[in-house]
Structures are given as structure tokens and as C-alpha cells.
Amino acid sequence: MKNIRRVGLSAAGIAAISATVAAPFAAADTTANGLTVSGSGYTVGATYTITVNTGASNVSANVFDNNVSVGTASPSGSNTTAAIYWTPNSTGTHHITVQLNGSSTVVGPVDVTVAAASNSNTTNTGSASSIIPMLTNTFGGSSANSRVS
């Protein structure tokens, strides 16, 4: 009887491990040479944080997306990292680079692939005006403003 229990537990353990190994791992952040773009599954219109290691608290960094300026990131206080928000507005590969102010040092690059935004939250699935007559007919009443006392 003990052997049967052990075999059953072993089979359950193997099944759990197999499911864990087979599960895909989500990528988190994209980093290269002191430059990090937060997130994963990048989409048009979503906002991400670009963080750069400036090496000194008094050094700011100009951030570029495909050679177009995103803006300037400046460290806060005694931090040696600076961050800026980035919202991609087109699909495809985005080549993110940073040039540290006061030098020719370019940090990165980080290449991220941006996909079209999902329409799942904006899909038109009907309207209240099409539901109200159905509810009125189902529950009685002459209009949507009917009140049951």
C-alpha cells in the first residue's frame, strides 16, 4: 500500500514539474550596456520607462528612438541613474539609444519590437440601446424608464 501511495505522489510530482517546465516564461525588461526599457510585449500607445546608468549624479542623458529624440533623462538627487517615459507610436523595431550629455558616449542600444495595440478593450460588442428593448419586453413595461414598485 505504501508503494502505491509513493507512485501516486511521484506521478503527481512529475506532472507538476512537467507543467512548470512546459509553461512559457514572460520576458521582463530589455537591457543592454546600462540601458533598460521596462516591460515586455511592447505595443503602440503603451507607456514604458527607459532607465539609463549615467555614471554620475550630475550627468543627464538624451534618449533617442530610431534617432528621433524622446527627451532628456536626468538623475534625481545623488542617483546615478536617470529615467524617462517612452510611448511608441509605430509598430516595428525601435532602436533605443542614449547619449550622455557632455560626452560622445552612447549607451545601449536596446532594440525592441513594438506590435499594434490590441483592440480587445475597444471591441464594439453592442450598445445599451439594443439591450433596453429586449429587457423591457422580457420584464414588462413600456419604456426603459419604467419603474417597478
C-alpha atoms as a PDB file:
ATOM      1  CA  MET A   1       0.000   0.000   0.000  1.00  0.00           C
ATOM      2  CA  LYS A   2       2.832   2.385   0.783  1.00  0.00           C
ATOM      3  CA  ASN A   3       4.386   1.778  -2.617  1.00  0.00           C
ATOM      4  CA  ILE A   4       1.148   2.701  -4.375  1.00  0.00           C
ATOM      5  CA  ARG A   5       0.947   5.989  -2.498  1.00  0.00           C
ATOM      6  CA  ARG A   6       4.535   6.822  -3.346  1.00  0.00           C
ATOM      7  CA  VAL A   7       3.956   6.051  -7.005  1.00  0.00           C
ATOM      8  CA  GLY A   8       0.839   8.221  -6.998  1.00  0.00           C
ATOM      9  CA  LEU A   9       2.686  11.118  -5.387  1.00  0.00           C
ATOM     10  CA  SER A  10       5.596  10.682  -7.745  1.00  0.00           C
ATOM     11  CA  ALA A  11       3.319  10.781 -10.778  1.00  0.00           C
ATOM     12  CA  ALA A  12       1.639  13.935  -9.446  1.00  0.00           C
ATOM     13  CA  GLY A  13       5.032  15.495  -8.789  1.00  0.00           C
ATOM     14  CA  ILE A  14       6.250  14.637 -12.279  1.00  0.00           C
ATOM     15  CA  ALA A  15       3.079  16.093 -13.795  1.00  0.00           C
ATOM     16  CA  ALA A  16       3.524  19.329 -11.834  1.00  0.00           C
ATOM     17  CA  ILE A  17       7.165  19.636 -12.860  1.00  0.00           C
ATOM     18  CA  SER A  18       6.317  18.900 -16.494  1.00  0.00           C
ATOM     19  CA  ALA A  19       3.661  21.610 -16.499  1.00  0.00           C
ATOM     20  CA  THR A  20       6.106  24.091 -14.977  1.00  0.00           C
ATOM     21  CA  VAL A  21       8.849  23.311 -17.485  1.00  0.00           C
ATOM     22  CA  ALA A  22       6.447  23.500 -20.420  1.00  0.00           C
ATOM     23  CA  ALA A  23       4.990  26.857 -19.335  1.00  0.00           C
ATOM     24  CA  PRO A  24       6.388  29.804 -21.298  1.00  0.00           C
ATOM     25  CA  PHE A  25       8.404  32.369 -19.390  1.00  0.00           C
ATOM     26  CA  ALA A  26       7.459  36.016 -19.832  1.00  0.00           C
ATOM     27  CA  ALA A  27      10.325  38.292 -20.706  1.00  0.00           C
ATOM     28  CA  ALA A  28      10.737  41.185 -18.327  1.00  0.00           C
ATOM     29  CA  ASP A  29      12.623  44.317 -19.316  1.00  0.00           C
ATOM     30  CA  THR A  30      15.125  44.604 -22.134  1.00  0.00           C
ATOM     31  CA  THR A  31      18.624  45.635 -21.070  1.00  0.00           C
ATOM     32  CA  ALA A  32      21.940  46.318 -22.820  1.00  0.00           C
ATOM     33  CA  ASN A  33      25.039  48.219 -21.718  1.00  0.00           C
ATOM     34  CA  GLY A  34      23.433  50.163 -18.867  1.00  0.00           C
ATOM     35  CA  LEU A  35      20.200  50.969 -20.727  1.00  0.00           C
ATOM     36  CA  THR A  36      16.904  49.310 -19.743  1.00  0.00           C
ATOM     37  CA  VAL A  37      13.473  49.502 -21.375  1.00  0.00           C
ATOM     38  CA  SER A  38      10.871  48.278 -18.878  1.00  0.00           C
ATOM     39  CA  GLY A  39       8.213  45.743 -19.723  1.00  0.00           C
ATOM     40  CA  SER A  40       7.640  43.148 -22.390  1.00  0.00           C
ATOM     41  CA  GLY A  41       5.124  42.590 -25.158  1.00  0.00           C
ATOM     42  CA  TYR A  42       5.624  46.189 -26.304  1.00  0.00           C
ATOM     43  CA  THR A  43       2.613  47.761 -28.038  1.00  0.00           C
ATOM     44  CA  VAL A  44       1.841  51.070 -29.723  1.00  0.00           C
ATOM     45  CA  GLY A  45       0.346  53.597 -27.320  1.00  0.00           C
ATOM     46  CA  ALA A  46       1.509  51.899 -24.111  1.00  0.00           C
ATOM     47  CA  THR A  47       3.997  53.737 -21.905  1.00  0.00           C
ATOM     48  CA  TYR A  48       7.302  52.242 -20.778  1.00  0.00           C
ATOM     49  CA  THR A  49      10.166  53.524 -18.643  1.00  0.00           C
ATOM     50  CA  ILE A  50      13.625  53.874 -20.134  1.00  0.00           C
ATOM     51  CA  THR A  51      16.331  53.878 -17.463  1.00  0.00           C
ATOM     52  CA  VAL A  52      19.985  54.641 -18.081  1.00  0.00           C
ATOM     53  CA  ASN A  53      23.030  54.397 -15.860  1.00  0.00           C
ATOM     54  CA  THR A  54      24.669  57.828 -16.264  1.00  0.00           C
ATOM     55  CA  GLY A  55      27.629  57.037 -14.016  1.00  0.00           C
ATOM     56  CA  ALA A  56      27.309  60.329 -12.114  1.00  0.00           C
ATOM     57  CA  SER A  57      24.515  62.251 -10.430  1.00  0.00           C
ATOM     58  CA  ASN A  58      25.223  65.407 -12.438  1.00  0.00           C
ATOM     59  CA  VAL A  59      25.084  63.775 -15.884  1.00  0.00           C
ATOM     60  CA  SER A  60      21.831  63.771 -17.841  1.00  0.00           C
ATOM     61  CA  ALA A  61      21.129  61.726 -20.940  1.00  0.00           C
ATOM     62  CA  ASN A  62      19.438  62.404 -24.270  1.00  0.00           C
ATOM     63  CA  VAL A  63      17.238  59.460 -25.226  1.00  0.00           C
ATOM     64  CA  PHE A  64      16.570  58.537 -28.862  1.00  0.00           C
ATOM     65  CA  ASP A  65      14.109  56.189 -30.595  1.00  0.00           C
ATOM     66  CA  ASN A  66      15.337  55.410 -34.123  1.00  0.00           C
ATOM     67  CA  ASN A  67      17.477  58.586 -33.978  1.00  0.00           C
ATOM     68  CA  VAL A  68      14.473  60.761 -33.021  1.00  0.00           C
ATOM     69  CA  SER A  69      14.699  62.478 -29.631  1.00  0.00           C
ATOM     70  CA  VAL A  70      12.418  61.126 -26.921  1.00  0.00           C
ATOM     71  CA  GLY A  71      13.676  63.698 -24.405  1.00  0.00           C
ATOM     72  CA  THR A  72      16.261  64.174 -21.685  1.00  0.00           C
ATOM     73  CA  ALA A  73      16.527  61.986 -18.604  1.00  0.00           C
ATOM     74  CA  SER A  74      18.188  63.480 -15.522  1.00  0.00           C
ATOM     75  CA  PRO A  75      19.202  61.754 -12.303  1.00  0.00           C
ATOM     76  CA  SER A  76      17.396  62.770  -9.136  1.00  0.00           C
ATOM     77  CA  GLY A  77      19.465  63.745  -6.097  1.00  0.00           C
ATOM     78  CA  SER A  78      22.580  61.617  -5.758  1.00  0.00           C
ATOM     79  CA  ASN A  79      21.302  58.860  -8.056  1.00  0.00           C
ATOM     80  CA  THR A  80      23.498  57.772 -10.935  1.00  0.00           C
ATOM     81  CA  THR A  81      20.552  56.513 -12.952  1.00  0.00           C
ATOM     82  CA  ALA A  82      18.022  58.568 -14.881  1.00  0.00           C
ATOM     83  CA  ALA A  83      14.620  57.595 -16.244  1.00  0.00           C
ATOM     84  CA  ILE A  84      12.193  58.890 -18.829  1.00  0.00           C
ATOM     85  CA  TYR A  85       8.794  57.670 -20.084  1.00  0.00           C
ATOM     86  CA  TRP A  86       8.517  56.417 -23.659  1.00  0.00           C
ATOM     87  CA  THR A  87       5.320  55.758 -25.617  1.00  0.00           C
ATOM     88  CA  PRO A  88       5.959  54.153 -29.025  1.00  0.00           C
ATOM     89  CA  ASN A  89       3.682  55.441 -31.757  1.00  0.00           C
ATOM     90  CA  SER A  90       4.514  52.964 -34.516  1.00  0.00           C
ATOM     91  CA  THR A  91       4.961  49.238 -34.951  1.00  0.00           C
ATOM     92  CA  GLY A  92       8.231  47.560 -35.853  1.00  0.00           C
ATOM     93  CA  THR A  93      11.742  47.600 -34.454  1.00  0.00           C
ATOM     94  CA  HIS A  94      12.661  50.562 -32.267  1.00  0.00           C
ATOM     95  CA  HIS A  95      16.392  51.194 -31.805  1.00  0.00           C
ATOM     96  CA  ILE A  96      16.688  52.915 -28.409  1.00  0.00           C
ATOM     97  CA  THR A  97      19.968  54.714 -27.693  1.00  0.00           C
ATOM     98  CA  VAL A  98      21.134  57.283 -25.168  1.00  0.00           C
ATOM     99  CA  GLN A  99      23.873  59.871 -25.449  1.00  0.00           C
ATOM    100  CA  LEU A 100      25.270  61.118 -22.168  1.00  0.00           C
ATOM    101  CA  ASN A 101      25.442  64.918 -22.013  1.00  0.00           C
ATOM    102  CA  GLY A 102      28.929  66.346 -22.090  1.00  0.00           C
ATOM    103  CA  SER A 103      30.415  63.345 -23.844  1.00  0.00           C
ATOM    104  CA  SER A 104      30.228  61.351 -27.021  1.00  0.00           C
ATOM    105  CA  THR A 105      29.371  58.199 -25.048  1.00  0.00           C
ATOM    106  CA  VAL A 106      26.384  56.359 -26.488  1.00  0.00           C
ATOM    107  CA  VAL A 107      24.641  53.917 -24.148  1.00  0.00           C
ATOM    108  CA  GLY A 108      22.745  50.919 -25.485  1.00  0.00           C
ATOM    109  CA  PRO A 109      21.429  50.178 -27.956  1.00  0.00           C
ATOM    110  CA  VAL A 110      18.316  48.325 -26.937  1.00  0.00           C
ATOM    111  CA  ASP A 111      16.185  47.066 -29.806  1.00  0.00           C
ATOM    112  CA  VAL A 112      12.545  46.364 -29.012  1.00  0.00           C
ATOM    113  CA  THR A 113       9.837  45.157 -31.341  1.00  0.00           C
ATOM    114  CA  VAL A 114       6.572  47.033 -30.972  1.00  0.00           C
ATOM    115  CA  ALA A 115       3.291  45.429 -32.020  1.00  0.00           C
ATOM    116  CA  ALA A 116      -0.032  47.043 -32.829  1.00  0.00           C
ATOM    117  CA  ALA A 117      -2.217  47.766 -29.837  1.00  0.00           C
ATOM    118  CA  SER A 118      -4.795  45.122 -29.038  1.00  0.00           C
ATOM    119  CA  ASN A 119      -8.372  46.069 -29.806  1.00  0.00           C
ATOM    120  CA  SER A 120      -9.744  43.668 -27.202  1.00  0.00           C
ATOM    121  CA  ASN A 121     -10.678  46.500 -24.832  1.00  0.00           C
ATOM    122  CA  THR A 122     -12.309  48.597 -27.526  1.00  0.00           C
ATOM    123  CA  THR A 123     -14.213  45.955 -29.445  1.00  0.00           C
ATOM    124  CA  ASN A 124     -17.784  47.048 -30.099  1.00  0.00           C
ATOM    125  CA  THR A 125     -19.970  44.314 -28.671  1.00  0.00           C
ATOM    126  CA  GLY A 126     -23.265  46.146 -28.829  1.00  0.00           C
ATOM    127  CA  SER A 127     -24.878  49.066 -27.082  1.00  0.00           C
ATOM    128  CA  ALA A 128     -27.311  49.724 -24.286  1.00  0.00           C
ATOM    129  CA  SER A 129     -29.893  50.940 -26.794  1.00  0.00           C
ATOM    130  CA  SER A 130     -30.067  47.451 -28.290  1.00  0.00           C
ATOM    131  CA  ILE A 131     -30.387  45.777 -24.881  1.00  0.00           C
ATOM    132  CA  ILE A 132     -33.046  48.059 -23.350  1.00  0.00           C
ATOM    133  CA  PRO A 133     -35.916  46.977 -25.654  1.00  0.00           C
ATOM    134  CA  MET A 134     -35.040  43.343 -25.017  1.00  0.00           C
ATOM    135  CA  LEU A 135     -35.106  43.873 -21.238  1.00  0.00           C
ATOM    136  CA  THR A 136     -38.324  45.869 -21.459  1.00  0.00           C
ATOM    137  CA  ASN A 137     -40.012  43.061 -23.407  1.00  0.00           C
ATOM    138  CA  THR A 138     -38.644  40.438 -21.057  1.00  0.00           C
ATOM    139  CA  PHE A 139     -39.515  42.129 -17.773  1.00  0.00           C
ATOM    140  CA  GLY A 140     -42.508  44.177 -18.881  1.00  0.00           C
ATOM    141  CA  GLY A 141     -43.017  47.913 -19.029  1.00  0.00           C
ATOM    142  CA  SER A 142     -43.467  50.408 -21.789  1.00  0.00           C
ATOM    143  CA  SER A 143     -40.080  52.080 -21.777  1.00  0.00           C
ATOM    144  CA  ALA A 144     -36.584  51.907 -20.426  1.00  0.00           C
ATOM    145  CA  ASN A 145     -37.550  54.479 -17.842  1.00  0.00           C
ATOM    146  CA  SER A 146     -40.319  52.309 -16.379  1.00  0.00           C
ATOM    147  CA  ARG A 147     -40.172  51.830 -12.661  1.00  0.00           C
ATOM    148  CA  VAL A 148     -41.342  48.741 -10.862  1.00  0.00           C
ATOM    149  CA  SER A 149     -42.831  49.499  -7.463  1.00  0.00           C
END
